Amino acid sequence: MKRCTWVGIGKPHYEQYHDMEWGIPVHDDHKHFEMLLLEGAQAGLSWETILKRREGYRKAFKQFDPNAVAKMADEELNTLLTDSGIIRNRLKIFSARKNALVFLKIAQEFGSFDNYVWGFVNGTPKINYPKTLQEVPASTTESDALSKDLKKRGMSFVGSTIMYAYMQAVGMVDDHLVDCFCKNRT
């Protein structure tokens, strides 16, 4: 079974993420919030680093419940600075609460965060046909627009490259390599 080459060999957590999640369209706000939080935490780090700490993030950030994260007090966020289960970066930790508040406002304005975010691809996954990883862009005009709008609304750690990775993760973009067995499952 052939996979995208970024998965590597002998990395079962990567294989599971690639095979069961990456590129599959998400239409659940709870899952959208999880992926936004994790992609933001990944800024400057490898995705493997974050995947290994995913359960730590789940525990630290209230099962990725945006309502609960939005209510986290400074004291509770400060205790996470000593939590070895997550990346202990103050800006990233505190951005989770700020981003949760913005996330909830967007969901209220659009009926759901899903309605909002899928609008950037007109409600349909964008399917690309890369043969190599070098053909996969780091960002696009859609991720630029999403990033710009989220920043304008007050979110942090939502640069265009991070937003493109998010769009890939939640299936807004299918960048599976053409010879990957997961291609075109959207």
C-alpha atoms as a PDB file:
ATOM      1  CA  MET A   1       0.000   0.000   0.000  1.00  0.00           C
ATOM      2  CA  LYS A   2       1.590   3.264  -1.127  1.00  0.00           C
ATOM      3  CA  ARG A   3       1.296   6.398   1.028  1.00  0.00           C
ATOM      4  CA  CYS A   4       2.371   9.997   0.715  1.00  0.00           C
ATOM      5  CA  THR A   5       6.135  10.120   1.208  1.00  0.00           C
ATOM      6  CA  TRP A   6       5.953  12.535   4.176  1.00  0.00           C
ATOM      7  CA  VAL A   7       4.572   9.722   6.323  1.00  0.00           C
ATOM      8  CA  GLY A   8       7.879   7.868   6.491  1.00  0.00           C
ATOM      9  CA  ILE A   9       8.444   4.260   7.466  1.00  0.00           C
ATOM     10  CA  GLY A  10       8.017   2.837  10.949  1.00  0.00           C
ATOM     11  CA  LYS A  11       5.928   5.691  12.350  1.00  0.00           C
ATOM     12  CA  PRO A  12       2.593   4.114  13.253  1.00  0.00           C
ATOM     13  CA  HIS A  13       1.092   7.320  14.702  1.00  0.00           C
ATOM     14  CA  TYR A  14       1.915   9.122  11.447  1.00  0.00           C
ATOM     15  CA  GLU A  15       0.475   6.273   9.376  1.00  0.00           C
ATOM     16  CA  GLN A  16      -2.743   6.274  11.389  1.00  0.00           C
ATOM     17  CA  TYR A  17      -3.087  10.059  11.136  1.00  0.00           C
ATOM     18  CA  HIS A  18      -2.444   9.984   7.383  1.00  0.00           C
ATOM     19  CA  ASP A  19      -4.719   7.019   6.704  1.00  0.00           C
ATOM     20  CA  MET A  20      -7.628   7.885   9.000  1.00  0.00           C
ATOM     21  CA  GLU A  21      -7.703  11.692   9.263  1.00  0.00           C
ATOM     22  CA  TRP A  22      -5.531  13.788   6.954  1.00  0.00           C
ATOM     23  CA  GLY A  23      -7.468  15.074   3.996  1.00  0.00           C
ATOM     24  CA  ILE A  24     -10.847  13.690   5.066  1.00  0.00           C
ATOM     25  CA  PRO A  25     -13.424  16.510   5.035  1.00  0.00           C
ATOM     26  CA  VAL A  26     -14.347  17.709   8.523  1.00  0.00           C
ATOM     27  CA  HIS A  27     -17.740  19.279   9.191  1.00  0.00           C
ATOM     28  CA  ASP A  28     -17.737  19.145  12.990  1.00  0.00           C
ATOM     29  CA  ASP A  29     -16.896  22.337  14.873  1.00  0.00           C
ATOM     30  CA  HIS A  30     -15.341  20.447  17.773  1.00  0.00           C
ATOM     31  CA  LYS A  31     -12.890  18.754  15.373  1.00  0.00           C
ATOM     32  CA  HIS A  32     -12.221  22.067  13.618  1.00  0.00           C
ATOM     33  CA  PHE A  33     -11.230  23.603  16.957  1.00  0.00           C
ATOM     34  CA  GLU A  34      -8.965  20.662  17.777  1.00  0.00           C
ATOM     35  CA  MET A  35      -7.131  20.980  14.481  1.00  0.00           C
ATOM     36  CA  LEU A  36      -6.820  24.775  14.759  1.00  0.00           C
ATOM     37  CA  LEU A  37      -5.327  24.426  18.228  1.00  0.00           C
ATOM     38  CA  LEU A  38      -2.916  21.662  17.191  1.00  0.00           C
ATOM     39  CA  GLU A  39      -1.839  23.355  13.953  1.00  0.00           C
ATOM     40  CA  GLY A  40      -1.157  26.577  15.864  1.00  0.00           C
ATOM     41  CA  ALA A  41       0.872  24.658  18.450  1.00  0.00           C
ATOM     42  CA  GLN A  42       2.907  23.171  15.609  1.00  0.00           C
ATOM     43  CA  ALA A  43       4.199  26.582  14.462  1.00  0.00           C
ATOM     44  CA  GLY A  44       7.980  26.266  14.136  1.00  0.00           C
ATOM     45  CA  LEU A  45       7.955  22.589  15.112  1.00  0.00           C
ATOM     46  CA  SER A  46       7.397  19.275  13.366  1.00  0.00           C
ATOM     47  CA  TRP A  47       3.908  17.839  13.071  1.00  0.00           C
ATOM     48  CA  GLU A  48       5.291  14.621  14.551  1.00  0.00           C
ATOM     49  CA  THR A  49       6.167  16.526  17.737  1.00  0.00           C
ATOM     50  CA  ILE A  50       2.555  17.652  18.082  1.00  0.00           C
ATOM     51  CA  LEU A  51       1.021  14.282  17.192  1.00  0.00           C
ATOM     52  CA  LYS A  52       3.072  12.658  19.955  1.00  0.00           C
ATOM     53  CA  ARG A  53       1.591  15.170  22.421  1.00  0.00           C
ATOM     54  CA  ARG A  54      -1.958  15.125  21.095  1.00  0.00           C
ATOM     55  CA  GLU A  55      -3.388  13.389  24.163  1.00  0.00           C
ATOM     56  CA  GLY A  56      -1.564  15.860  26.394  1.00  0.00           C
ATOM     57  CA  TYR A  57      -3.229  18.686  24.490  1.00  0.00           C
ATOM     58  CA  ARG A  58      -6.591  16.946  24.727  1.00  0.00           C
ATOM     59  CA  LYS A  59      -6.260  16.769  28.515  1.00  0.00           C
ATOM     60  CA  ALA A  60      -4.805  20.263  28.965  1.00  0.00           C
ATOM     61  CA  PHE A  61      -7.354  21.949  26.715  1.00  0.00           C
ATOM     62  CA  LYS A  62     -10.606  20.426  27.946  1.00  0.00           C
ATOM     63  CA  GLN A  63     -11.035  17.734  25.287  1.00  0.00           C
ATOM     64  CA  PHE A  64     -10.731  20.543  22.701  1.00  0.00           C
ATOM     65  CA  ASP A  65     -14.057  22.036  23.810  1.00  0.00           C
ATOM     66  CA  PRO A  66     -13.918  25.667  22.609  1.00  0.00           C
ATOM     67  CA  ASN A  67     -16.519  26.760  25.190  1.00  0.00           C
ATOM     68  CA  ALA A  68     -14.435  25.352  28.050  1.00  0.00           C
ATOM     69  CA  VAL A  69     -11.131  26.669  26.654  1.00  0.00           C
ATOM     70  CA  ALA A  70     -12.656  30.144  26.251  1.00  0.00           C
ATOM     71  CA  LYS A  71     -13.393  30.133  30.008  1.00  0.00           C
ATOM     72  CA  MET A  72      -9.908  29.091  31.149  1.00  0.00           C
ATOM     73  CA  ALA A  73      -8.520  31.587  33.673  1.00  0.00           C
ATOM     74  CA  ASP A  74      -4.977  32.963  33.542  1.00  0.00           C
ATOM     75  CA  GLU A  75      -4.057  30.863  36.572  1.00  0.00           C
ATOM     76  CA  GLU A  76      -5.116  27.655  34.835  1.00  0.00           C
ATOM     77  CA  LEU A  77      -3.261  28.609  31.649  1.00  0.00           C
ATOM     78  CA  ASN A  78      -0.150  29.450  33.686  1.00  0.00           C
ATOM     79  CA  THR A  79      -0.153  25.957  35.224  1.00  0.00           C
ATOM     80  CA  LEU A  80       0.116  24.545  31.697  1.00  0.00           C
ATOM     81  CA  LEU A  81       3.570  26.127  31.437  1.00  0.00           C
ATOM     82  CA  THR A  82       4.799  23.194  33.555  1.00  0.00           C
ATOM     83  CA  ASP A  83       2.800  20.502  31.727  1.00  0.00           C
ATOM     84  CA  SER A  84       5.266  18.192  29.965  1.00  0.00           C
ATOM     85  CA  GLY A  85       2.424  16.747  27.891  1.00  0.00           C
ATOM     86  CA  ILE A  86       2.279  19.855  25.699  1.00  0.00           C
ATOM     87  CA  ILE A  87       4.634  22.412  24.182  1.00  0.00           C
ATOM     88  CA  ARG A  88       5.251  24.844  27.029  1.00  0.00           C
ATOM     89  CA  ASN A  89       5.217  28.075  25.075  1.00  0.00           C
ATOM     90  CA  ARG A  90       3.397  30.881  26.870  1.00  0.00           C
ATOM     91  CA  LEU A  91       2.222  32.624  23.696  1.00  0.00           C
ATOM     92  CA  LYS A  92       0.842  29.406  22.222  1.00  0.00           C
ATOM     93  CA  ILE A  93      -0.854  28.385  25.468  1.00  0.00           C
ATOM     94  CA  PHE A  94      -2.564  31.755  25.961  1.00  0.00           C
ATOM     95  CA  SER A  95      -3.496  31.965  22.279  1.00  0.00           C
ATOM     96  CA  ALA A  96      -5.685  28.878  22.761  1.00  0.00           C
ATOM     97  CA  ARG A  97      -8.111  30.867  24.932  1.00  0.00           C
ATOM     98  CA  LYS A  98      -8.050  33.915  22.677  1.00  0.00           C
ATOM     99  CA  ASN A  99      -8.581  31.759  19.595  1.00  0.00           C
ATOM    100  CA  ALA A 100     -11.435  29.887  21.310  1.00  0.00           C
ATOM    101  CA  LEU A 101     -13.225  33.178  21.962  1.00  0.00           C
ATOM    102  CA  VAL A 102     -12.843  34.225  18.317  1.00  0.00           C
ATOM    103  CA  PHE A 103     -13.843  30.732  17.153  1.00  0.00           C
ATOM    104  CA  LEU A 104     -17.098  30.967  19.141  1.00  0.00           C
ATOM    105  CA  LYS A 105     -17.877  34.437  17.759  1.00  0.00           C
ATOM    106  CA  ILE A 106     -17.352  33.168  14.212  1.00  0.00           C
ATOM    107  CA  ALA A 107     -19.573  30.141  14.891  1.00  0.00           C
ATOM    108  CA  GLN A 108     -22.292  32.437  16.194  1.00  0.00           C
ATOM    109  CA  GLU A 109     -21.994  34.794  13.215  1.00  0.00           C
ATOM    110  CA  PHE A 110     -22.050  32.058  10.544  1.00  0.00           C
ATOM    111  CA  GLY A 111     -24.188  29.430  12.263  1.00  0.00           C
ATOM    112  CA  SER A 112     -21.094  27.251  12.717  1.00  0.00           C
ATOM    113  CA  PHE A 113     -17.355  27.569  12.281  1.00  0.00           C
ATOM    114  CA  ASP A 114     -17.690  24.909   9.606  1.00  0.00           C
ATOM    115  CA  ASN A 115     -19.944  27.177   7.509  1.00  0.00           C
ATOM    116  CA  TYR A 116     -17.386  29.958   7.815  1.00  0.00           C
ATOM    117  CA  VAL A 117     -14.227  28.025   7.018  1.00  0.00           C
ATOM    118  CA  TRP A 118     -15.601  25.989   4.120  1.00  0.00           C
ATOM    119  CA  GLY A 119     -16.660  29.248   2.489  1.00  0.00           C
ATOM    120  CA  PHE A 120     -12.997  29.827   1.626  1.00  0.00           C
ATOM    121  CA  VAL A 121     -13.185  26.898  -0.830  1.00  0.00           C
ATOM    122  CA  ASN A 122     -16.811  27.473  -1.855  1.00  0.00           C
ATOM    123  CA  GLY A 123     -17.928  24.446   0.151  1.00  0.00           C
ATOM    124  CA  THR A 124     -16.034  21.932  -1.992  1.00  0.00           C
ATOM    125  CA  PRO A 125     -12.624  20.353  -1.395  1.00  0.00           C
ATOM    126  CA  LYS A 126      -9.916  21.624  -3.714  1.00  0.00           C
ATOM    127  CA  ILE A 127      -8.250  18.568  -5.246  1.00  0.00           C
ATOM    128  CA  ASN A 128      -4.644  18.883  -6.361  1.00  0.00           C
ATOM    129  CA  TYR A 129      -2.638  16.207  -8.156  1.00  0.00           C
ATOM    130  CA  PRO A 130       0.947  16.424  -6.886  1.00  0.00           C
ATOM    131  CA  LYS A 131       3.343  13.705  -7.963  1.00  0.00           C
ATOM    132  CA  THR A 132       6.017  14.736  -5.439  1.00  0.00           C
ATOM    133  CA  LEU A 133       6.097  16.633  -2.150  1.00  0.00           C
ATOM    134  CA  GLN A 134       7.907  19.445  -3.946  1.00  0.00           C
ATOM    135  CA  GLU A 135       4.730  20.086  -5.957  1.00  0.00           C
ATOM    136  CA  VAL A 136       2.663  20.679  -2.804  1.00  0.00           C
ATOM    137  CA  PRO A 137       2.460  24.401  -2.018  1.00  0.00           C
ATOM    138  CA  ALA A 138       3.146  25.819   1.439  1.00  0.00           C
ATOM    139  CA  SER A 139       0.291  28.294   1.035  1.00  0.00           C
ATOM    140  CA  THR A 140      -2.316  29.406  -1.495  1.00  0.00           C
ATOM    141  CA  THR A 141      -4.536  32.407  -2.146  1.00  0.00           C
ATOM    142  CA  GLU A 142      -7.260  30.623  -0.139  1.00  0.00           C
ATOM    143  CA  SER A 143      -5.005  30.069   2.873  1.00  0.00           C
ATOM    144  CA  ASP A 144      -3.811  33.682   2.550  1.00  0.00           C
ATOM    145  CA  ALA A 145      -7.421  34.894   2.672  1.00  0.00           C
ATOM    146  CA  LEU A 146      -8.335  32.627   5.608  1.00  0.00           C
ATOM    147  CA  SER A 147      -5.242  33.690   7.535  1.00  0.00           C
ATOM    148  CA  LYS A 148      -5.868  37.369   6.894  1.00  0.00           C
ATOM    149  CA  ASP A 149      -9.488  37.143   8.014  1.00  0.00           C
ATOM    150  CA  LEU A 150      -8.723  35.138  11.167  1.00  0.00           C
ATOM    151  CA  LYS A 151      -5.964  37.580  12.133  1.00  0.00           C
ATOM    152  CA  LYS A 152      -8.317  40.515  11.533  1.00  0.00           C
ATOM    153  CA  ARG A 153     -10.801  38.844  13.877  1.00  0.00           C
ATOM    154  CA  GLY A 154      -8.088  38.454  16.555  1.00  0.00           C
ATOM    155  CA  MET A 155      -6.676  34.931  16.240  1.00  0.00           C
ATOM    156  CA  SER A 156      -2.983  34.146  16.676  1.00  0.00           C
ATOM    157  CA  PHE A 157      -0.783  31.413  15.181  1.00  0.00           C
ATOM    158  CA  VAL A 158      -2.899  31.377  12.033  1.00  0.00           C
ATOM    159  CA  GLY A 159      -0.385  32.404   9.369  1.00  0.00           C
ATOM    160  CA  SER A 160      -0.992  31.359   5.785  1.00  0.00           C
ATOM    161  CA  THR A 161       1.320  28.322   5.949  1.00  0.00           C
ATOM    162  CA  ILE A 162      -0.324  27.122   9.168  1.00  0.00           C
ATOM    163  CA  MET A 163      -3.750  27.675   7.630  1.00  0.00           C
ATOM    164  CA  TYR A 164      -2.799  25.703   4.536  1.00  0.00           C
ATOM    165  CA  ALA A 165      -1.702  22.794   6.740  1.00  0.00           C
ATOM    166  CA  TYR A 166      -5.024  23.131   8.578  1.00  0.00           C
ATOM    167  CA  MET A 167      -6.941  23.129   5.274  1.00  0.00           C
ATOM    168  CA  GLN A 168      -5.121  19.936   4.261  1.00  0.00           C
ATOM    169  CA  ALA A 169      -5.807  18.336   7.641  1.00  0.00           C
ATOM    170  CA  VAL A 170      -9.562  19.033   7.563  1.00  0.00           C
ATOM    171  CA  GLY A 171      -9.991  17.979   3.943  1.00  0.00           C
ATOM    172  CA  MET A 172     -10.601  21.396   2.436  1.00  0.00           C
ATOM    173  CA  VAL A 173      -7.653  20.530   0.205  1.00  0.00           C
ATOM    174  CA  ASP A 174      -6.668  17.069  -1.045  1.00  0.00           C
ATOM    175  CA  ASP A 175      -2.898  17.091  -1.450  1.00  0.00           C
ATOM    176  CA  HIS A 176      -2.384  13.332  -1.249  1.00  0.00           C
ATOM    177  CA  LEU A 177       0.203  12.374  -3.831  1.00  0.00           C
ATOM    178  CA  VAL A 178      -1.298  10.884  -6.989  1.00  0.00           C
ATOM    179  CA  ASP A 179       0.030   7.400  -6.199  1.00  0.00           C
ATOM    180  CA  CYS A 180      -1.180   7.423  -2.570  1.00  0.00           C
ATOM    181  CA  PHE A 181      -3.954   4.953  -1.781  1.00  0.00           C
ATOM    182  CA  CYS A 182      -5.853   7.754  -0.011  1.00  0.00           C
ATOM    183  CA  LYS A 183      -6.093   9.966  -3.106  1.00  0.00           C
ATOM    184  CA  ASN A 184      -9.603  11.112  -4.050  1.00  0.00           C
ATOM    185  CA  ARG A 185     -11.478   9.784  -1.045  1.00  0.00           C
ATOM    186  CA  THR A 186     -13.222  13.114  -0.450  1.00  0.00           C
END
